[in-house]
N, C-alpha and C. Protein backbone atom coordinates (compact mmCIF):
# COMPACT_ATOMS: atom_id res chain seq x y z
N MET A 1 0.81 -1.20 0.00
CA MET A 1 0.00 0.00 0.00
C MET A 1 0.85 1.26 0.00
N ALA A 2 1.94 1.24 0.79
CA ALA A 2 2.81 2.41 0.87
C ALA A 2 3.50 2.66 -0.46
N SER A 3 3.92 1.58 -1.15
CA SER A 3 4.59 1.76 -2.44
C SER A 3 3.63 2.31 -3.49
N ASP A 4 2.36 1.86 -3.46
CA ASP A 4 1.38 2.38 -4.41
C ASP A 4 1.13 3.86 -4.19
N ARG A 5 1.05 4.25 -2.91
CA ARG A 5 0.82 5.67 -2.61
C ARG A 5 1.99 6.51 -3.06
N THR A 6 3.23 6.00 -2.87
CA THR A 6 4.42 6.74 -3.30
C THR A 6 4.44 6.90 -4.82
N GLU A 7 4.05 5.82 -5.53
CA GLU A 7 4.02 5.89 -6.99
C GLU A 7 2.97 6.90 -7.47
N ASN A 8 1.80 6.91 -6.82
CA ASN A 8 0.75 7.87 -7.21
C ASN A 8 1.19 9.30 -6.97
N GLU A 9 1.88 9.53 -5.83
CA GLU A 9 2.37 10.88 -5.55
C GLU A 9 3.41 11.31 -6.59
N LEU A 10 4.27 10.37 -6.98
CA LEU A 10 5.29 10.70 -7.99
C LEU A 10 4.64 11.01 -9.33
N PHE A 11 3.64 10.21 -9.72
CA PHE A 11 2.94 10.46 -10.98
C PHE A 11 2.20 11.80 -10.92
N GLY A 12 1.56 12.11 -9.78
CA GLY A 12 0.87 13.39 -9.65
C GLY A 12 1.83 14.56 -9.74
N PHE A 13 3.00 14.43 -9.12
CA PHE A 13 3.98 15.51 -9.17
C PHE A 13 4.52 15.68 -10.59
N SER A 14 4.76 14.57 -11.27
CA SER A 14 5.29 14.66 -12.64
C SER A 14 4.25 15.27 -13.58
N ASN A 15 2.96 14.94 -13.39
CA ASN A 15 1.92 15.52 -14.23
C ASN A 15 1.82 17.02 -14.03
N ALA A 16 1.89 17.46 -12.76
CA ALA A 16 1.85 18.89 -12.47
C ALA A 16 3.05 19.60 -13.06
N LEU A 17 4.21 18.97 -12.96
CA LEU A 17 5.43 19.57 -13.51
C LEU A 17 5.36 19.68 -15.03
N LEU A 18 4.84 18.63 -15.68
CA LEU A 18 4.69 18.67 -17.13
C LEU A 18 3.69 19.73 -17.56
N SER A 19 2.60 19.90 -16.79
CA SER A 19 1.61 20.91 -17.12
C SER A 19 2.21 22.32 -17.04
N ILE A 20 2.99 22.58 -15.98
CA ILE A 20 3.64 23.90 -15.86
C ILE A 20 4.64 24.11 -16.98
N ALA A 21 5.41 23.07 -17.29
CA ALA A 21 6.39 23.20 -18.37
C ALA A 21 5.71 23.46 -19.71
N LYS A 22 4.55 22.82 -19.93
CA LYS A 22 3.81 23.03 -21.17
C LYS A 22 3.33 24.47 -21.29
N GLU A 23 2.81 25.02 -20.17
CA GLU A 23 2.34 26.40 -20.21
C GLU A 23 3.50 27.37 -20.44
N LEU A 24 4.63 27.11 -19.79
CA LEU A 24 5.80 27.97 -20.02
C LEU A 24 6.27 27.89 -21.45
N LEU A 25 6.24 26.69 -22.03
CA LEU A 25 6.66 26.52 -23.42
C LEU A 25 5.73 27.26 -24.36
N LEU A 26 4.41 27.14 -24.15
CA LEU A 26 3.45 27.84 -25.00
C LEU A 26 3.59 29.35 -24.87
N ASP A 27 3.86 29.79 -23.64
CA ASP A 27 4.01 31.22 -23.43
C ASP A 27 5.25 31.75 -24.14
N ASN A 28 6.30 30.95 -24.17
CA ASN A 28 7.54 31.39 -24.82
C ASN A 28 7.44 31.30 -26.34
N ILE A 29 6.57 30.43 -26.84
CA ILE A 29 6.42 30.31 -28.29
C ILE A 29 5.61 31.47 -28.84
N SER A 30 4.55 31.87 -28.11
CA SER A 30 3.62 32.88 -28.62
C SER A 30 4.28 34.25 -28.66
N ASP A 31 4.03 34.99 -29.72
CA ASP A 31 4.52 36.36 -29.83
C ASP A 31 3.35 37.33 -29.98
N GLN A 32 2.15 36.88 -29.58
CA GLN A 32 0.96 37.71 -29.72
C GLN A 32 0.28 37.89 -28.36
N LEU A 33 -0.54 38.92 -28.27
CA LEU A 33 -1.41 39.13 -27.12
C LEU A 33 -2.77 38.52 -27.43
N ILE A 34 -3.23 37.61 -26.57
CA ILE A 34 -4.49 36.91 -26.78
C ILE A 34 -5.30 36.97 -25.50
N LEU A 35 -6.58 37.32 -25.61
CA LEU A 35 -7.53 37.31 -24.49
C LEU A 35 -8.69 36.40 -24.85
N TYR A 36 -9.15 35.60 -23.89
CA TYR A 36 -10.29 34.72 -24.12
C TYR A 36 -11.00 34.49 -22.79
N PRO A 37 -12.33 34.29 -22.82
CA PRO A 37 -13.09 34.09 -21.57
C PRO A 37 -12.62 32.83 -20.84
N ALA A 38 -12.56 32.95 -19.52
CA ALA A 38 -12.16 31.80 -18.71
C ALA A 38 -13.25 30.74 -18.67
N ASN A 39 -14.49 31.15 -18.82
CA ASN A 39 -15.62 30.23 -18.86
C ASN A 39 -16.79 30.95 -19.53
N ALA A 40 -17.94 30.28 -19.57
CA ALA A 40 -19.12 30.91 -20.15
C ALA A 40 -19.53 32.12 -19.31
N LEU A 41 -19.65 33.27 -19.94
CA LEU A 41 -19.94 34.50 -19.23
C LEU A 41 -21.45 34.68 -19.08
N THR A 42 -21.88 35.07 -17.88
CA THR A 42 -23.29 35.35 -17.61
C THR A 42 -23.41 36.74 -17.01
N GLU A 43 -24.63 37.25 -16.97
CA GLU A 43 -24.88 38.61 -16.52
C GLU A 43 -24.68 38.81 -15.03
N THR A 44 -24.67 37.74 -14.25
CA THR A 44 -24.56 37.86 -12.79
C THR A 44 -23.14 37.73 -12.28
N ASP A 45 -22.21 37.29 -13.10
CA ASP A 45 -20.83 37.10 -12.66
C ASP A 45 -19.93 38.12 -13.31
N SER A 46 -18.80 38.39 -12.66
CA SER A 46 -17.80 39.27 -13.26
C SER A 46 -17.21 38.58 -14.49
N ALA A 47 -16.86 39.39 -15.48
CA ALA A 47 -16.31 38.86 -16.73
C ALA A 47 -14.85 38.49 -16.50
N LYS A 48 -14.60 37.18 -16.44
CA LYS A 48 -13.24 36.70 -16.18
C LYS A 48 -12.61 36.21 -17.48
N PHE A 49 -11.38 36.67 -17.71
CA PHE A 49 -10.65 36.33 -18.92
C PHE A 49 -9.29 35.74 -18.55
N PHE A 50 -8.73 35.02 -19.51
CA PHE A 50 -7.32 34.62 -19.45
C PHE A 50 -6.57 35.36 -20.55
N MET A 51 -5.32 35.73 -20.23
CA MET A 51 -4.47 36.41 -21.20
C MET A 51 -3.24 35.54 -21.50
N SER A 52 -2.87 35.54 -22.75
CA SER A 52 -1.60 34.96 -23.17
C SER A 52 -0.74 36.10 -23.70
N LEU A 53 0.35 36.38 -23.00
CA LEU A 53 1.18 37.53 -23.33
C LEU A 53 2.30 37.14 -24.31
N PRO A 54 2.80 38.10 -25.05
CA PRO A 54 3.93 37.81 -25.94
C PRO A 54 5.14 37.31 -25.15
N ALA A 55 5.94 36.47 -25.78
CA ALA A 55 7.09 35.88 -25.09
C ALA A 55 8.11 36.93 -24.69
N ALA A 56 8.13 38.06 -25.38
CA ALA A 56 9.14 39.08 -25.09
C ALA A 56 8.80 39.93 -23.87
N VAL A 57 7.61 39.77 -23.32
CA VAL A 57 7.24 40.55 -22.14
C VAL A 57 8.05 40.07 -20.95
N PRO A 58 8.75 40.94 -20.26
CA PRO A 58 9.56 40.51 -19.11
C PRO A 58 8.68 40.09 -17.94
N ILE A 59 9.14 39.08 -17.20
CA ILE A 59 8.39 38.56 -16.06
C ILE A 59 8.57 39.49 -14.86
N PHE A 60 7.47 39.71 -14.13
CA PHE A 60 7.43 40.50 -12.91
C PHE A 60 7.75 41.98 -13.14
N GLU A 61 7.74 42.39 -14.38
CA GLU A 61 7.91 43.81 -14.69
C GLU A 61 6.53 44.41 -14.98
N PRO A 62 6.29 45.67 -14.60
CA PRO A 62 4.97 46.27 -14.84
C PRO A 62 4.63 46.36 -16.31
N VAL A 63 3.39 45.97 -16.63
CA VAL A 63 2.88 45.99 -17.99
C VAL A 63 1.61 46.83 -18.00
N ASN A 64 1.51 47.76 -18.93
CA ASN A 64 0.32 48.60 -19.06
C ASN A 64 -0.62 47.99 -20.10
N LEU A 65 -1.84 47.69 -19.65
CA LEU A 65 -2.83 47.06 -20.51
C LEU A 65 -4.06 47.95 -20.57
N SER A 66 -4.46 48.32 -21.79
CA SER A 66 -5.66 49.14 -22.00
C SER A 66 -6.72 48.28 -22.69
N LEU A 67 -7.93 48.30 -22.13
CA LEU A 67 -9.03 47.49 -22.66
C LEU A 67 -10.21 48.38 -23.00
N LYS A 68 -10.89 48.03 -24.08
CA LYS A 68 -12.15 48.68 -24.44
C LYS A 68 -13.15 47.60 -24.81
N ILE A 69 -14.28 47.61 -24.11
CA ILE A 69 -15.37 46.67 -24.37
C ILE A 69 -16.57 47.48 -24.80
N LYS A 70 -17.18 47.09 -25.91
CA LYS A 70 -18.23 47.93 -26.50
C LYS A 70 -19.28 47.09 -27.18
N ASN A 71 -20.55 47.54 -27.02
CA ASN A 71 -21.63 47.07 -27.87
C ASN A 71 -22.51 48.26 -28.21
N ASP A 72 -23.76 48.04 -28.62
CA ASP A 72 -24.59 49.14 -29.10
C ASP A 72 -24.86 50.20 -28.03
N GLY A 73 -24.98 49.79 -26.76
CA GLY A 73 -25.35 50.76 -25.73
C GLY A 73 -24.35 50.93 -24.62
N ILE A 74 -23.28 50.15 -24.59
CA ILE A 74 -22.34 50.18 -23.47
C ILE A 74 -20.91 50.28 -24.01
N THR A 75 -20.11 51.13 -23.35
CA THR A 75 -18.69 51.23 -23.64
C THR A 75 -17.93 51.25 -22.32
N VAL A 76 -17.00 50.33 -22.16
CA VAL A 76 -16.20 50.22 -20.94
C VAL A 76 -14.74 50.38 -21.32
N ASP A 77 -14.09 51.41 -20.76
CA ASP A 77 -12.66 51.63 -20.96
C ASP A 77 -11.95 51.34 -19.64
N THR A 78 -10.94 50.48 -19.70
CA THR A 78 -10.21 50.09 -18.50
C THR A 78 -8.72 50.11 -18.78
N ALA A 79 -7.97 50.66 -17.85
CA ALA A 79 -6.50 50.65 -17.92
C ALA A 79 -5.99 49.90 -16.70
N VAL A 80 -5.12 48.91 -16.93
CA VAL A 80 -4.61 48.05 -15.87
C VAL A 80 -3.10 48.02 -15.94
N THR A 81 -2.47 48.15 -14.79
CA THR A 81 -1.03 47.92 -14.67
C THR A 81 -0.84 46.52 -14.11
N TYR A 82 -0.18 45.70 -14.89
CA TYR A 82 -0.14 44.27 -14.60
C TYR A 82 1.31 43.81 -14.46
N ARG A 83 1.51 42.83 -13.58
CA ARG A 83 2.82 42.21 -13.43
C ARG A 83 2.69 40.73 -13.78
N PRO A 84 3.12 40.31 -14.94
CA PRO A 84 2.97 38.91 -15.36
C PRO A 84 3.80 37.97 -14.51
N THR A 85 3.28 36.78 -14.32
CA THR A 85 3.95 35.77 -13.50
C THR A 85 4.78 34.78 -14.30
N GLY A 86 4.65 34.81 -15.63
CA GLY A 86 5.40 33.88 -16.45
C GLY A 86 4.60 32.71 -16.95
N LEU A 87 3.40 32.47 -16.39
CA LEU A 87 2.56 31.38 -16.86
C LEU A 87 1.74 31.82 -18.07
N ASN A 88 1.26 30.84 -18.82
CA ASN A 88 0.55 31.16 -20.06
C ASN A 88 -0.82 31.77 -19.78
N LYS A 89 -1.48 31.33 -18.70
CA LYS A 89 -2.82 31.84 -18.36
C LYS A 89 -2.69 32.95 -17.33
N GLN A 90 -2.74 34.18 -17.79
CA GLN A 90 -2.72 35.32 -16.89
C GLN A 90 -4.17 35.73 -16.61
N PRO A 91 -4.64 35.64 -15.35
CA PRO A 91 -6.06 35.94 -15.07
C PRO A 91 -6.33 37.44 -15.14
N LEU A 92 -7.54 37.76 -15.59
CA LEU A 92 -7.99 39.14 -15.67
C LEU A 92 -9.49 39.16 -15.38
N SER A 93 -9.91 39.95 -14.40
CA SER A 93 -11.31 40.02 -14.00
C SER A 93 -11.85 41.42 -14.27
N LEU A 94 -13.00 41.48 -14.95
CA LEU A 94 -13.65 42.75 -15.28
C LEU A 94 -15.01 42.82 -14.61
N THR A 95 -15.69 43.92 -14.79
CA THR A 95 -16.99 44.13 -14.15
C THR A 95 -18.07 43.28 -14.82
N THR A 96 -19.22 43.16 -14.15
CA THR A 96 -20.35 42.43 -14.73
C THR A 96 -20.92 43.21 -15.92
N LEU A 97 -21.45 42.48 -16.88
CA LEU A 97 -21.98 43.08 -18.10
C LEU A 97 -23.38 42.54 -18.39
N PRO A 98 -24.26 43.35 -18.94
CA PRO A 98 -25.58 42.85 -19.34
C PRO A 98 -25.46 41.85 -20.49
N PRO A 99 -26.48 41.01 -20.67
CA PRO A 99 -26.43 40.04 -21.78
C PRO A 99 -26.32 40.75 -23.12
N GLY A 100 -25.57 40.13 -24.01
CA GLY A 100 -25.41 40.69 -25.35
C GLY A 100 -24.09 40.30 -25.97
N ARG A 101 -23.90 40.80 -27.18
CA ARG A 101 -22.66 40.56 -27.93
C ARG A 101 -21.76 41.78 -27.80
N TYR A 102 -20.49 41.55 -27.48
CA TYR A 102 -19.55 42.64 -27.23
C TYR A 102 -18.32 42.50 -28.11
N ALA A 103 -17.76 43.64 -28.43
CA ALA A 103 -16.46 43.70 -29.10
C ALA A 103 -15.41 44.11 -28.07
N ILE A 104 -14.26 43.45 -28.08
CA ILE A 104 -13.20 43.76 -27.14
C ILE A 104 -11.91 44.07 -27.90
N SER A 105 -11.24 45.11 -27.48
CA SER A 105 -9.93 45.47 -28.06
C SER A 105 -8.99 45.79 -26.92
N ALA A 106 -7.73 45.42 -27.09
CA ALA A 106 -6.74 45.60 -26.04
C ALA A 106 -5.41 46.00 -26.65
N THR A 107 -4.70 46.85 -25.94
CA THR A 107 -3.33 47.23 -26.32
C THR A 107 -2.44 47.03 -25.12
N LEU A 108 -1.25 46.53 -25.36
CA LEU A 108 -0.30 46.23 -24.30
C LEU A 108 0.99 46.99 -24.55
N ALA A 109 1.52 47.58 -23.49
CA ALA A 109 2.78 48.31 -23.58
C ALA A 109 3.68 47.86 -22.44
N ALA A 110 4.85 47.33 -22.79
CA ALA A 110 5.84 46.88 -21.82
C ALA A 110 7.21 47.34 -22.32
N PRO A 111 8.24 47.31 -21.50
CA PRO A 111 9.58 47.70 -21.96
C PRO A 111 10.02 46.94 -23.21
N GLY A 112 10.06 47.63 -24.31
CA GLY A 112 10.50 47.03 -25.57
C GLY A 112 9.45 46.21 -26.27
N VAL A 113 8.20 46.19 -25.80
CA VAL A 113 7.15 45.35 -26.39
C VAL A 113 5.87 46.15 -26.51
N LYS A 114 5.22 46.04 -27.67
CA LYS A 114 3.90 46.58 -27.89
C LYS A 114 3.08 45.55 -28.65
N ALA A 115 1.84 45.39 -28.23
CA ALA A 115 0.99 44.39 -28.87
C ALA A 115 -0.45 44.86 -28.81
N ALA A 116 -1.26 44.31 -29.71
CA ALA A 116 -2.68 44.67 -29.78
C ALA A 116 -3.50 43.42 -30.05
N PHE A 117 -4.77 43.48 -29.66
CA PHE A 117 -5.65 42.34 -29.81
C PHE A 117 -7.08 42.85 -29.96
N SER A 118 -7.89 42.17 -30.76
CA SER A 118 -9.31 42.49 -30.90
C SER A 118 -10.08 41.22 -31.20
N ASP A 119 -11.27 41.14 -30.64
CA ASP A 119 -12.12 39.97 -30.83
C ASP A 119 -13.53 40.33 -30.35
N SER A 120 -14.38 39.34 -30.23
CA SER A 120 -15.74 39.55 -29.71
C SER A 120 -16.10 38.40 -28.79
N PHE A 121 -17.07 38.63 -27.91
CA PHE A 121 -17.53 37.61 -27.00
C PHE A 121 -19.00 37.87 -26.68
N THR A 122 -19.64 36.89 -26.03
CA THR A 122 -21.06 36.95 -25.72
C THR A 122 -21.27 36.77 -24.22
N VAL A 123 -22.12 37.62 -23.65
CA VAL A 123 -22.56 37.46 -22.26
C VAL A 123 -23.97 36.89 -22.30
N ASN A 124 -24.16 35.75 -21.65
CA ASN A 124 -25.43 35.03 -21.70
C ASN A 124 -26.35 35.44 -20.56
N VAL A 125 -27.64 35.19 -20.74
CA VAL A 125 -28.62 35.40 -19.68
C VAL A 125 -28.43 34.32 -18.63
N ASP A 126 -28.49 34.70 -17.36
CA ASP A 126 -28.31 33.75 -16.27
C ASP A 126 -29.52 32.83 -16.19
N MET A 127 -29.30 31.53 -16.44
CA MET A 127 -30.37 30.54 -16.40
C MET A 127 -30.19 29.57 -15.24
N SER A 128 -29.37 29.93 -14.27
CA SER A 128 -29.09 29.01 -13.17
C SER A 128 -30.34 28.72 -12.33
N GLU A 129 -31.27 29.68 -12.26
CA GLU A 129 -32.47 29.48 -11.45
C GLU A 129 -33.31 28.33 -12.00
N LEU A 130 -33.31 28.14 -13.32
CA LEU A 130 -34.11 27.07 -13.92
C LEU A 130 -33.51 25.70 -13.69
N SER A 131 -32.23 25.63 -13.36
CA SER A 131 -31.58 24.34 -13.15
C SER A 131 -31.73 23.84 -11.72
N VAL A 132 -32.31 24.63 -10.83
CA VAL A 132 -32.49 24.23 -9.44
C VAL A 132 -33.78 23.41 -9.34
N SER A 133 -33.65 22.14 -8.97
CA SER A 133 -34.82 21.25 -8.90
C SER A 133 -35.50 21.31 -7.54
N SER A 134 -34.83 21.78 -6.52
CA SER A 134 -35.42 21.85 -5.18
C SER A 134 -35.97 23.24 -4.93
N GLN A 135 -36.61 23.41 -3.76
CA GLN A 135 -37.19 24.69 -3.42
C GLN A 135 -36.09 25.71 -3.10
N ASN A 136 -36.30 26.92 -3.56
CA ASN A 136 -35.39 28.01 -3.25
C ASN A 136 -35.87 28.66 -1.96
N THR A 137 -35.40 28.13 -0.82
CA THR A 137 -35.90 28.59 0.47
C THR A 137 -35.57 30.06 0.72
N GLN A 138 -34.42 30.50 0.26
CA GLN A 138 -34.07 31.90 0.48
C GLN A 138 -35.04 32.82 -0.25
N TYR A 139 -35.42 32.44 -1.46
CA TYR A 139 -36.37 33.25 -2.22
C TYR A 139 -37.76 33.21 -1.59
N LEU A 140 -38.17 32.04 -1.08
CA LEU A 140 -39.49 31.91 -0.47
C LEU A 140 -39.57 32.68 0.84
N GLN A 141 -38.48 32.72 1.59
CA GLN A 141 -38.49 33.43 2.87
C GLN A 141 -38.65 34.93 2.69
N GLU A 142 -38.29 35.44 1.52
CA GLU A 142 -38.48 36.86 1.27
C GLU A 142 -39.97 37.23 1.23
N PHE A 143 -40.82 36.27 0.85
CA PHE A 143 -42.25 36.52 0.76
C PHE A 143 -43.02 35.95 1.95
N ALA A 144 -42.35 35.16 2.77
CA ALA A 144 -43.02 34.54 3.91
C ALA A 144 -43.30 35.59 4.99
N GLN A 145 -44.41 35.42 5.69
CA GLN A 145 -44.78 36.29 6.79
C GLN A 145 -44.66 35.52 8.09
N PRO A 146 -44.02 36.10 9.10
CA PRO A 146 -43.84 35.37 10.37
C PRO A 146 -45.19 35.10 11.05
N LEU A 147 -45.30 33.93 11.67
CA LEU A 147 -46.52 33.52 12.35
C LEU A 147 -46.19 33.27 13.82
N ASP A 148 -46.86 34.00 14.69
CA ASP A 148 -46.67 33.85 16.13
C ASP A 148 -47.49 32.66 16.62
N MET A 149 -46.81 31.56 16.94
CA MET A 149 -47.51 30.34 17.33
C MET A 149 -48.14 30.47 18.71
N THR A 150 -47.79 31.50 19.46
CA THR A 150 -48.40 31.69 20.79
C THR A 150 -49.69 32.49 20.73
N ASP A 151 -49.98 33.07 19.57
CA ASP A 151 -51.19 33.89 19.42
C ASP A 151 -52.31 33.00 18.88
N SER A 152 -53.24 32.62 19.75
CA SER A 152 -54.31 31.70 19.36
C SER A 152 -55.25 32.32 18.35
N VAL A 153 -55.46 33.63 18.43
CA VAL A 153 -56.38 34.29 17.49
C VAL A 153 -55.82 34.22 16.07
N THR A 154 -54.52 34.51 15.92
CA THR A 154 -53.89 34.48 14.60
C THR A 154 -53.90 33.08 14.02
N ILE A 155 -53.58 32.08 14.86
CA ILE A 155 -53.56 30.69 14.39
C ILE A 155 -54.95 30.25 13.95
N SER A 156 -55.98 30.60 14.74
CA SER A 156 -57.35 30.24 14.37
C SER A 156 -57.76 30.89 13.06
N ALA A 157 -57.37 32.15 12.87
CA ALA A 157 -57.70 32.84 11.63
C ALA A 157 -57.03 32.19 10.44
N VAL A 158 -55.78 31.74 10.60
CA VAL A 158 -55.06 31.10 9.49
C VAL A 158 -55.73 29.79 9.10
N PHE A 159 -56.05 28.95 10.09
CA PHE A 159 -56.66 27.66 9.79
C PHE A 159 -58.09 27.80 9.29
N ASP A 160 -58.83 28.79 9.82
CA ASP A 160 -60.19 29.02 9.31
C ASP A 160 -60.15 29.45 7.86
N SER A 161 -59.19 30.29 7.52
CA SER A 161 -59.05 30.72 6.13
C SER A 161 -58.69 29.55 5.23
N TRP A 162 -57.80 28.67 5.71
CA TRP A 162 -57.40 27.50 4.92
C TRP A 162 -58.58 26.56 4.71
N GLU A 163 -59.35 26.32 5.79
CA GLU A 163 -60.51 25.43 5.66
C GLU A 163 -61.57 26.02 4.74
N ARG A 164 -61.76 27.34 4.81
CA ARG A 164 -62.75 27.98 3.95
C ARG A 164 -62.34 27.86 2.49
N ARG A 165 -61.05 28.07 2.22
CA ARG A 165 -60.59 27.94 0.84
C ARG A 165 -60.72 26.51 0.35
N SER A 166 -60.42 25.53 1.23
CA SER A 166 -60.55 24.12 0.83
C SER A 166 -61.99 23.77 0.54
N ALA A 167 -62.92 24.29 1.37
CA ALA A 167 -64.34 24.01 1.15
C ALA A 167 -64.84 24.64 -0.13
N GLU A 168 -64.36 25.85 -0.41
CA GLU A 168 -64.78 26.52 -1.64
C GLU A 168 -64.28 25.78 -2.87
N LYS A 169 -63.10 25.19 -2.77
CA LYS A 169 -62.55 24.49 -3.93
C LYS A 169 -63.21 23.14 -4.15
N ASN A 170 -63.64 22.46 -3.04
CA ASN A 170 -64.14 21.09 -3.16
C ASN A 170 -65.65 21.00 -3.26
N THR A 171 -66.39 22.06 -2.90
CA THR A 171 -67.85 22.02 -2.93
C THR A 171 -68.36 22.26 -4.34
N VAL A 172 -69.21 21.36 -4.81
CA VAL A 172 -69.81 21.47 -6.14
C VAL A 172 -71.32 21.58 -5.98
N ILE A 173 -71.90 22.61 -6.49
CA ILE A 173 -73.34 22.84 -6.39
C ILE A 173 -73.98 22.62 -7.76
N GLU A 174 -74.95 21.68 -7.82
CA GLU A 174 -75.65 21.40 -9.06
C GLU A 174 -77.14 21.67 -8.86
N THR A 175 -77.75 22.30 -9.80
CA THR A 175 -79.19 22.61 -9.74
C THR A 175 -79.90 21.97 -10.92
N ALA A 176 -81.09 21.49 -10.65
CA ALA A 176 -81.91 20.88 -11.71
C ALA A 176 -83.33 21.45 -11.59
N ARG A 177 -83.90 21.86 -12.68
CA ARG A 177 -85.24 22.46 -12.70
C ARG A 177 -86.26 21.42 -13.14
N ILE A 178 -87.29 21.26 -12.32
CA ILE A 178 -88.35 20.28 -12.62
C ILE A 178 -89.61 21.04 -13.00
N ASN A 179 -90.11 20.75 -14.17
CA ASN A 179 -91.35 21.36 -14.65
C ASN A 179 -92.49 20.35 -14.51
N ARG A 180 -93.55 20.77 -13.86
CA ARG A 180 -94.72 19.89 -13.70
C ARG A 180 -95.61 19.99 -14.94
N SER A 181 -96.06 18.80 -15.41
CA SER A 181 -96.96 18.74 -16.56
C SER A 181 -98.14 17.85 -16.20
N TRP A 182 -99.34 18.44 -16.12
CA TRP A 182 -100.54 17.66 -15.79
C TRP A 182 -100.86 16.64 -16.87
N LEU A 183 -100.57 16.96 -18.12
CA LEU A 183 -100.81 16.01 -19.21
C LEU A 183 -99.96 14.77 -19.05
N LEU A 184 -98.65 15.00 -18.77
CA LEU A 184 -97.75 13.86 -18.60
C LEU A 184 -98.14 13.03 -17.39
N LEU A 185 -98.58 13.71 -16.30
CA LEU A 185 -99.00 12.97 -15.12
C LEU A 185 -100.25 12.14 -15.42
N GLY A 186 -101.20 12.69 -16.20
CA GLY A 186 -102.40 11.96 -16.56
C GLY A 186 -102.09 10.73 -17.40
N ILE A 187 -101.12 10.87 -18.34
CA ILE A 187 -100.75 9.71 -19.17
C ILE A 187 -100.15 8.60 -18.32
N ILE A 188 -99.26 8.99 -17.36
CA ILE A 188 -98.63 7.98 -16.51
C ILE A 188 -99.67 7.25 -15.66
N LEU A 189 -100.61 8.01 -15.08
CA LEU A 189 -101.66 7.38 -14.27
C LEU A 189 -102.55 6.48 -15.11
N SER A 190 -102.82 6.90 -16.35
CA SER A 190 -103.65 6.05 -17.24
C SER A 190 -102.96 4.75 -17.56
N LEU A 191 -101.66 4.80 -17.81
CA LEU A 191 -100.91 3.57 -18.10
C LEU A 191 -100.90 2.64 -16.89
N LEU A 192 -100.71 3.22 -15.68
CA LEU A 192 -100.73 2.39 -14.48
C LEU A 192 -102.10 1.74 -14.28
N ALA A 193 -103.17 2.51 -14.54
CA ALA A 193 -104.52 1.94 -14.39
C ALA A 193 -104.77 0.85 -15.41
N ALA A 194 -104.33 1.05 -16.67
CA ALA A 194 -104.52 0.03 -17.70
C ALA A 194 -103.77 -1.24 -17.35
N GLU A 195 -102.54 -1.09 -16.80
CA GLU A 195 -101.77 -2.28 -16.40
C GLU A 195 -102.49 -3.03 -15.29
N LEU A 196 -103.05 -2.27 -14.33
CA LEU A 196 -103.75 -2.93 -13.23
C LEU A 196 -104.99 -3.68 -13.72
N ILE A 197 -105.74 -3.08 -14.66
CA ILE A 197 -106.94 -3.73 -15.20
C ILE A 197 -106.56 -5.02 -15.95
N LEU A 198 -105.53 -4.98 -16.76
CA LEU A 198 -105.10 -6.16 -17.50
C LEU A 198 -104.64 -7.28 -16.58
N ARG A 199 -103.96 -6.92 -15.49
CA ARG A 199 -103.50 -7.94 -14.57
C ARG A 199 -104.70 -8.65 -13.92
N ARG A 200 -105.68 -7.85 -13.52
CA ARG A 200 -106.86 -8.49 -12.88
C ARG A 200 -107.68 -9.30 -13.87
N ALA A 201 -107.74 -8.80 -15.14
CA ALA A 201 -108.49 -9.55 -16.15
C ALA A 201 -107.88 -10.91 -16.45
N ARG A 202 -106.56 -10.96 -16.41
CA ARG A 202 -105.88 -12.24 -16.69
C ARG A 202 -105.59 -13.03 -15.43
N GLY A 203 -105.98 -12.49 -14.32
CA GLY A 203 -105.79 -13.22 -13.07
C GLY A 203 -104.37 -13.29 -12.61
N VAL A 204 -103.58 -12.34 -13.01
CA VAL A 204 -102.17 -12.36 -12.60
C VAL A 204 -102.07 -11.96 -11.12
N ASP A 205 -102.79 -10.95 -10.69
CA ASP A 205 -102.75 -10.53 -9.30
C ASP A 205 -103.74 -11.32 -8.46
């Protein structure tokens, strides 16, 4: 068991080391400034991006980054002084944005290096509420009214109201109109009398 654990730790360390080396290699190969969303952007979260900086940008030296995000009704200008760490994924967090399609442009200025980038991205409508299958208790509590269980009058009023609503929902009232007809009554009595006469004539009764 101890040898298996040691082997797993060695494999985990080697995988992490290879991943860091891969990012450093990609960062040193690239000579362009690239920005891309870290994940799917929604209206409720801050706009998080990853940056890939040119290989000539010095590590831990201040870098001036200017960003412009624009669509039909919104324009966001941001200037950031950044110190790159040397990894390929440089995190960048921006403000929340309404849903829509945006154009992004960036310019980078560092000692001996200048670069520019432009692209577009989409901010989606937050649909996380629809994916919740259980009750949203926090949302329901905003509309809930406190009930004093020691107040007998309030409790009686609540249950009386509930019973009244239940009775109103379950009670079905049907009405039927009966019209009296002397002609129809006379015909029925005549038929009964004729049946009685025939029975006595044939000796059935």
